[in-house]
Amino acid sequence: MRAVCSVLLVLSLLAAGCGGPTAIQAGPKVRIAIGGQAQLVYLPVTLAHQLGHFGEEGLDAELQDFPGGAKALEALFGGSADVVSGFFDHTVQMAAEGRPLQSFVAMLRYPGLALIVSPSAPGKPIEKIADLAGRNVGVSSPGSSTHLMVNHLLVKAGLKPTDVSAIGIGMAAGAVAAMEAGKVDAAVMAEPAISQLRARRGELRVLAHTQSMAGVKDVYGVTTYPAAVLYSQTPWVEKNQLLASRLARAMRRTLAWIQEHSADDIAAKMPANLRGPDLKLYIAALAASKDMYSPDGVLEHEAAEAVVRVLGETMENVRKQAPDVKRCYTNQFVN
């Protein structure tokens, strides 16, 4: 009997060892707050979950959806989330306030945002950014990265951030509805909401965009600009390096999977409620956006420095504190 038990024990250990990553049972729970799950800029996190990459890395990932990056950040500081899938801007902004955050996976090399004129905007036509003076401009939520982009563009056009009224409209169906109804005169939008609005209202006037290298160069003066990342409070990253490493590995595998598969393949893996009612439109938006995804999760230092420069234009504390951007990110886990 003892011999039989020994054989069974050995066989069970061999089975566990031969199973590879897929044999790993879900382990510690990690709560990830996403600043707008339906946006394609945050697609890699949901896709990693759908592909089973978090579970294969021994993680029980809980995805939480929020209407914007600022709300996701609130969840992190409030203790209801461990990690944020949000824009890199917030790590620099919080560093200037003495609340250190650290990014450890860069999902995008282009932010994928566009400042678009509402097809229902009343009054004088809006043909350039300077024409936004005195108008309502939609952002995902006040203080979010979409708001920071608007501020930067206003300064470039010779205006002040206070020359417009920033209104939170979300980034998904709410943004499309607000633009159609003329609730805002223009808005920063992302895919697939842009394609959804275009399908309903025809060609749109784009005042500025960061959906390609050329667009990023025009807006920010660099060829790549950090956008959607995974970040957490720096003490959490330092204390939970194994968890951060597993998250980074799951995300890097997912980013590689995106590079190797078509928009149709990616769409097929996404939840139906995030794809929207028009699958063909969603696939087209994905195909047009694939180039914005990072192939390896690495954040370039020159691009990180550009964020400090851009935020310093409109945020006095960033300008005065001049935070050390090297403390705002690490590539050690994706490498």
Protein backbone atom coordinates (compact mmCIF):
# COMPACT_ATOMS: atom_id res chain seq x y z
CA MET A 1 0.00 0.00 0.00
CA ARG A 2 2.85 2.38 0.91
CA ALA A 3 4.45 1.67 -2.48
CA VAL A 4 1.22 2.48 -4.30
CA CYS A 5 0.89 5.80 -2.44
CA SER A 6 4.47 6.68 -3.30
CA VAL A 7 3.87 5.99 -6.97
CA LEU A 8 0.70 8.13 -6.95
CA LEU A 9 2.56 10.98 -5.26
CA VAL A 10 5.35 10.88 -7.85
CA LEU A 11 2.85 10.77 -10.71
CA SER A 12 0.94 13.76 -9.31
CA LEU A 13 4.14 15.77 -8.98
CA LEU A 14 5.18 14.89 -12.53
CA ALA A 15 1.76 15.89 -13.85
CA ALA A 16 2.00 19.26 -12.12
CA GLY A 17 5.51 19.82 -13.46
CA CYS A 18 4.72 18.78 -17.03
CA GLY A 19 1.63 20.95 -17.18
CA GLY A 20 3.66 24.18 -17.54
CA PRO A 21 2.00 27.55 -16.97
CA THR A 22 -1.51 26.25 -17.73
CA ALA A 23 -1.25 23.88 -14.73
CA ILE A 24 -0.76 26.77 -12.28
CA GLN A 25 -3.84 27.32 -10.17
CA ALA A 26 -5.08 30.86 -9.64
CA GLY A 27 -3.20 32.20 -6.67
CA PRO A 28 -3.12 35.63 -5.03
CA LYS A 29 -5.87 38.04 -5.98
CA VAL A 30 -4.87 41.25 -7.75
CA ARG A 31 -7.49 43.96 -8.22
CA ILE A 32 -6.91 45.98 -11.40
CA ALA A 33 -8.79 49.27 -11.86
CA ILE A 34 -9.21 50.15 -15.55
CA GLY A 35 -9.83 53.73 -16.67
CA GLY A 36 -12.45 52.74 -19.27
CA GLN A 37 -12.52 49.05 -20.17
CA ALA A 38 -14.33 49.51 -23.50
CA GLN A 39 -11.54 51.71 -24.88
CA LEU A 40 -9.07 49.99 -27.17
CA VAL A 41 -6.21 51.73 -25.37
CA TYR A 42 -6.88 49.44 -22.39
CA LEU A 43 -7.71 46.33 -24.44
CA PRO A 44 -4.51 44.40 -23.52
CA VAL A 45 -5.60 43.98 -19.88
CA THR A 46 -8.99 42.50 -20.77
CA LEU A 47 -7.40 40.41 -23.51
CA ALA A 48 -4.83 39.01 -21.06
CA HIS A 49 -7.73 37.94 -18.86
CA GLN A 50 -9.64 36.42 -21.79
CA LEU A 51 -6.59 34.49 -23.00
CA GLY A 52 -6.03 33.08 -19.51
CA HIS A 53 -2.58 34.63 -19.19
CA PHE A 54 -3.18 35.93 -15.66
CA GLY A 55 -4.33 32.52 -14.45
CA GLU A 56 -1.42 30.80 -16.18
CA GLU A 57 0.93 33.08 -14.25
CA GLY A 58 -0.71 32.02 -10.98
CA LEU A 59 -2.83 35.15 -10.49
CA ASP A 60 -6.50 35.68 -9.73
CA ALA A 61 -7.05 39.00 -11.51
CA GLU A 62 -10.18 41.00 -10.77
CA LEU A 63 -10.86 43.68 -13.41
CA GLN A 64 -12.73 46.79 -12.27
CA ASP A 65 -14.14 49.22 -14.83
CA PHE A 66 -14.17 53.00 -14.21
CA PRO A 67 -15.28 55.94 -16.42
CA GLY A 68 -11.79 57.46 -16.55
CA GLY A 69 -8.23 57.24 -15.33
CA ALA A 70 -8.80 59.74 -12.53
CA LYS A 71 -11.53 57.54 -11.04
CA ALA A 72 -9.31 54.46 -11.31
CA LEU A 73 -6.57 56.36 -9.49
CA GLU A 74 -9.04 57.24 -6.72
CA ALA A 75 -9.78 53.53 -6.32
CA LEU A 76 -6.06 52.82 -5.92
CA PHE A 77 -5.57 55.44 -3.23
CA GLY A 78 -8.86 54.44 -1.60
CA GLY A 79 -7.63 50.87 -1.18
CA SER A 80 -10.21 49.13 -3.38
CA ALA A 81 -7.65 48.39 -6.12
CA ASP A 82 -4.05 47.17 -6.12
CA VAL A 83 -3.02 48.18 -9.63
CA VAL A 84 -4.31 50.69 -12.17
CA SER A 85 -4.53 50.31 -15.92
CA GLY A 86 -4.30 54.01 -16.65
CA PHE A 87 -2.15 56.64 -18.32
CA PHE A 88 1.47 57.29 -17.37
CA ASP A 89 0.69 60.99 -16.80
CA HIS A 90 -0.65 60.21 -13.35
CA THR A 91 2.63 58.76 -12.09
CA VAL A 92 4.34 62.08 -12.84
CA GLN A 93 1.46 64.15 -11.49
CA MET A 94 1.40 62.22 -8.21
CA ALA A 95 5.21 62.28 -7.88
CA ALA A 96 5.01 66.07 -7.83
CA GLU A 97 2.52 65.80 -4.96
CA GLY A 98 4.74 63.45 -2.97
CA ARG A 99 2.55 60.39 -3.60
CA PRO A 100 4.89 58.04 -5.48
CA LEU A 101 3.51 55.74 -8.15
CA GLN A 102 5.49 53.43 -10.40
CA SER A 103 4.62 52.09 -13.84
CA PHE A 104 5.90 48.60 -14.62
CA VAL A 105 4.30 47.72 -18.00
CA ALA A 106 3.80 50.08 -20.96
CA MET A 107 0.95 48.85 -23.15
CA LEU A 108 1.01 51.61 -25.77
CA ARG A 109 3.60 53.58 -27.70
CA TYR A 110 0.98 56.05 -29.02
CA PRO A 111 -1.86 57.34 -26.77
CA GLY A 112 -4.50 56.68 -29.44
CA LEU A 113 -6.57 59.77 -28.56
CA ALA A 114 -8.14 62.36 -30.86
CA LEU A 115 -9.64 65.80 -30.24
CA ILE A 116 -12.76 65.85 -32.40
CA VAL A 117 -15.33 68.54 -33.14
CA SER A 118 -18.92 67.61 -32.31
CA PRO A 119 -21.04 67.19 -35.46
CA SER A 120 -23.80 68.98 -33.52
CA ALA A 121 -21.73 71.90 -32.22
CA PRO A 122 -23.81 75.09 -32.45
CA GLY A 123 -22.60 78.54 -33.39
CA LYS A 124 -19.48 79.46 -35.31
CA PRO A 125 -17.71 76.50 -36.94
CA ILE A 126 -14.71 75.14 -35.05
CA GLU A 127 -11.85 74.78 -37.50
CA LYS A 128 -8.82 74.98 -35.21
CA ILE A 129 -7.99 74.56 -31.53
CA ALA A 130 -8.02 78.33 -30.91
CA ASP A 131 -11.72 78.30 -31.88
CA LEU A 132 -12.47 76.29 -28.71
CA ALA A 133 -12.19 79.41 -26.53
CA GLY A 134 -15.40 79.76 -24.52
CA ARG A 135 -16.65 76.32 -25.58
CA ASN A 136 -17.43 73.08 -23.74
CA VAL A 137 -14.87 70.32 -24.30
CA GLY A 138 -15.57 66.72 -23.34
CA VAL A 139 -12.99 64.66 -21.44
CA SER A 140 -13.31 61.21 -19.88
CA SER A 141 -13.34 62.82 -16.43
CA PRO A 142 -11.86 66.04 -15.04
CA GLY A 143 -8.21 65.57 -14.15
CA SER A 144 -7.83 62.55 -16.42
CA SER A 145 -5.21 62.16 -19.12
CA THR A 146 -7.72 63.25 -21.76
CA HIS A 147 -8.10 66.50 -19.80
CA LEU A 148 -4.31 66.89 -19.64
CA MET A 149 -4.10 66.46 -23.42
CA VAL A 150 -6.67 69.22 -23.91
CA ASN A 151 -4.70 71.52 -21.61
CA HIS A 152 -1.50 70.91 -23.58
CA LEU A 153 -3.19 71.60 -26.92
CA LEU A 154 -4.76 74.82 -25.59
CA VAL A 155 -1.39 76.11 -24.41
CA LYS A 156 0.16 75.28 -27.78
CA ALA A 157 -2.60 77.30 -29.43
CA GLY A 158 -1.96 80.32 -27.21
CA LEU A 159 -4.89 79.75 -24.86
CA LYS A 160 -5.18 78.89 -21.16
CA PRO A 161 -6.82 75.72 -19.79
CA THR A 162 -9.42 77.95 -18.14
CA ASP A 163 -10.48 79.30 -21.55
CA VAL A 164 -12.68 76.21 -22.02
CA SER A 165 -15.09 74.31 -19.79
CA ALA A 166 -13.99 70.69 -19.39
CA ILE A 167 -16.94 68.33 -18.97
CA GLY A 168 -16.69 64.65 -18.04
CA ILE A 169 -18.51 62.47 -20.59
CA GLY A 170 -16.72 59.15 -20.25
CA MET A 171 -15.12 57.48 -23.25
CA ALA A 172 -17.64 54.92 -24.51
CA ALA A 173 -21.36 55.21 -25.31
CA GLY A 174 -21.71 58.29 -23.10
CA ALA A 175 -19.11 60.15 -25.14
CA VAL A 176 -20.82 59.27 -28.43
CA ALA A 177 -24.19 60.40 -27.06
CA ALA A 178 -22.77 63.67 -25.71
CA MET A 179 -21.16 64.47 -29.06
CA GLU A 180 -24.29 63.63 -31.03
CA ALA A 181 -26.53 65.68 -28.77
CA GLY A 182 -24.22 68.69 -28.83
CA LYS A 183 -23.72 68.54 -25.07
CA VAL A 184 -20.09 69.39 -25.80
CA ASP A 185 -18.61 71.31 -28.73
CA ALA A 186 -15.62 68.99 -29.02
CA ALA A 187 -14.17 66.07 -27.10
CA VAL A 188 -11.14 63.87 -26.70
CA MET A 189 -12.19 60.41 -27.85
CA ALA A 190 -10.64 56.99 -28.38
CA GLU A 191 -11.53 53.92 -30.40
CA PRO A 192 -13.98 52.32 -30.83
CA ALA A 193 -16.08 55.36 -29.87
CA ILE A 194 -14.54 57.40 -32.71
CA SER A 195 -15.56 54.84 -35.34
CA GLN A 196 -19.01 54.52 -33.78
CA LEU A 197 -19.58 58.28 -34.00
CA ARG A 198 -18.24 58.41 -37.56
CA ALA A 199 -20.55 55.56 -38.63
CA ARG A 200 -23.54 57.47 -37.26
CA ARG A 201 -22.66 61.02 -38.34
CA GLY A 202 -20.27 60.75 -41.27
CA GLU A 203 -16.80 62.27 -41.58
CA LEU A 204 -15.53 64.09 -38.50
CA ARG A 205 -13.28 67.13 -38.05
CA VAL A 206 -10.18 66.04 -36.13
CA LEU A 207 -8.28 68.95 -34.58
CA ALA A 208 -5.38 66.84 -33.28
CA HIS A 209 -4.66 63.18 -32.69
CA THR A 210 -2.08 60.81 -31.19
CA GLN A 211 -3.07 57.68 -33.10
CA SER A 212 0.16 57.39 -35.08
CA MET A 213 3.82 58.36 -34.90
CA ALA A 214 3.14 61.42 -37.06
CA GLY A 215 0.27 62.51 -34.82
CA VAL A 216 2.34 62.06 -31.65
CA LYS A 217 5.18 64.02 -33.21
CA ASP A 218 2.83 66.86 -34.11
CA VAL A 219 1.21 67.03 -30.65
CA TYR A 220 4.12 66.26 -28.33
CA GLY A 221 7.28 66.62 -30.42
CA VAL A 222 8.44 63.01 -29.86
CA THR A 223 7.96 59.80 -31.83
CA THR A 224 6.53 57.80 -28.93
CA TYR A 225 4.63 59.02 -25.86
CA PRO A 226 3.75 56.87 -22.82
CA ALA A 227 0.06 56.32 -22.43
CA ALA A 228 -1.74 53.26 -21.06
CA VAL A 229 0.43 51.47 -18.50
CA LEU A 230 0.06 49.27 -15.45
CA TYR A 231 1.08 51.20 -12.34
CA SER A 232 0.68 51.01 -8.61
CA GLN A 233 1.85 52.80 -5.51
CA THR A 234 5.63 52.46 -5.36
CA PRO A 235 5.63 50.75 -1.93
CA TRP A 236 3.24 48.10 -3.32
CA VAL A 237 5.54 47.41 -6.29
CA GLU A 238 8.58 47.15 -4.02
CA LYS A 239 6.77 44.86 -1.59
CA ASN A 240 5.10 42.68 -4.25
CA GLN A 241 7.84 42.18 -6.84
CA LEU A 242 6.78 38.61 -7.54
CA LEU A 243 3.20 39.70 -8.27
CA ALA A 244 4.42 42.62 -10.41
CA SER A 245 6.69 40.24 -12.30
CA ARG A 246 3.82 37.82 -12.96
CA LEU A 247 1.56 40.66 -14.12
CA ALA A 248 4.31 41.98 -16.40
CA ARG A 249 4.93 38.54 -17.86
CA ALA A 250 1.22 38.02 -18.55
CA MET A 251 1.01 41.42 -20.23
CA ARG A 252 4.15 40.93 -22.30
CA ARG A 253 2.78 37.60 -23.55
CA THR A 254 -0.48 39.36 -24.44
CA LEU A 255 1.29 42.18 -26.30
CA ALA A 256 3.23 39.58 -28.30
CA TRP A 257 -0.06 37.77 -29.04
CA ILE A 258 -1.54 41.02 -30.40
CA GLN A 259 1.41 41.44 -32.77
CA GLU A 260 0.98 37.90 -34.07
CA HIS A 261 -2.79 37.93 -34.63
CA SER A 262 -5.27 39.78 -36.81
CA ALA A 263 -7.91 42.24 -35.69
CA ASP A 264 -10.51 39.51 -36.34
CA ASP A 265 -8.67 37.12 -34.01
CA ILE A 266 -8.40 39.75 -31.28
CA ALA A 267 -12.05 40.77 -31.56
CA ALA A 268 -13.13 37.13 -31.29
CA LYS A 269 -11.48 36.91 -27.86
CA MET A 270 -13.06 40.08 -26.44
CA PRO A 271 -16.32 40.06 -24.42
CA ALA A 272 -19.38 40.89 -26.52
CA ASN A 273 -20.41 43.76 -24.23
CA LEU A 274 -17.10 45.54 -24.94
CA ARG A 275 -17.22 44.98 -28.70
CA GLY A 276 -20.54 46.77 -29.08
CA PRO A 277 -23.41 45.87 -31.41
CA ASP A 278 -21.45 46.33 -34.67
CA LEU A 279 -18.73 43.68 -34.83
CA LYS A 280 -17.45 44.76 -38.26
CA LEU A 281 -17.01 48.33 -37.07
CA TYR A 282 -15.16 47.11 -33.96
CA ILE A 283 -12.81 44.99 -36.06
CA ALA A 284 -12.13 47.93 -38.40
CA ALA A 285 -11.33 50.16 -35.42
CA LEU A 286 -9.00 47.48 -34.05
CA ALA A 287 -7.22 47.07 -37.37
CA ALA A 288 -6.63 50.82 -37.55
CA SER A 289 -5.32 50.88 -33.97
CA LYS A 290 -3.01 47.85 -33.86
CA ASP A 291 0.10 49.92 -34.48
CA MET A 292 -0.35 51.81 -31.21
CA TYR A 293 0.29 48.74 -29.05
CA SER A 294 3.76 48.25 -27.63
CA PRO A 295 5.40 45.03 -28.81
CA ASP A 296 7.30 44.44 -25.56
CA GLY A 297 5.95 46.56 -22.70
CA VAL A 298 9.11 48.66 -22.41
CA LEU A 299 8.84 52.39 -21.61
CA GLU A 300 11.46 54.59 -23.31
CA HIS A 301 13.21 57.15 -21.08
CA GLU A 302 13.08 59.97 -23.65
CA ALA A 303 9.33 59.50 -23.92
CA ALA A 304 8.95 59.55 -20.14
CA GLU A 305 10.90 62.82 -19.96
CA ALA A 306 8.54 64.31 -22.54
CA VAL A 307 5.62 63.72 -20.16
CA VAL A 308 7.32 65.77 -17.43
CA ARG A 309 7.91 68.58 -19.92
CA VAL A 310 4.33 68.54 -21.22
CA LEU A 311 2.69 68.42 -17.79
CA GLY A 312 4.97 71.20 -16.56
CA GLU A 313 3.34 73.55 -19.07
CA THR A 314 0.01 73.60 -17.24
CA MET A 315 0.71 72.10 -13.79
CA GLU A 316 2.63 74.41 -11.50
CA ASN A 317 3.54 71.70 -9.00
CA VAL A 318 5.11 69.55 -11.72
CA ARG A 319 7.05 72.55 -12.99
CA LYS A 320 8.27 73.51 -9.52
CA GLN A 321 8.98 70.04 -8.15
CA ALA A 322 10.53 68.72 -11.40
CA PRO A 323 9.98 65.08 -10.34
CA ASP A 324 12.67 62.52 -11.20
CA VAL A 325 10.90 60.55 -13.91
CA LYS A 326 13.26 57.59 -13.41
CA ARG A 327 11.38 56.91 -10.18
CA CYS A 328 8.04 56.87 -12.01
CA TYR A 329 8.66 53.71 -14.03
CA THR A 330 10.69 50.52 -14.17
CA ASN A 331 11.37 48.08 -17.01
CA GLN A 332 12.87 45.43 -14.75
CA PHE A 333 9.79 43.19 -14.83
CA VAL A 334 9.12 43.29 -18.58
CA ASN A 335 12.82 42.70 -19.23
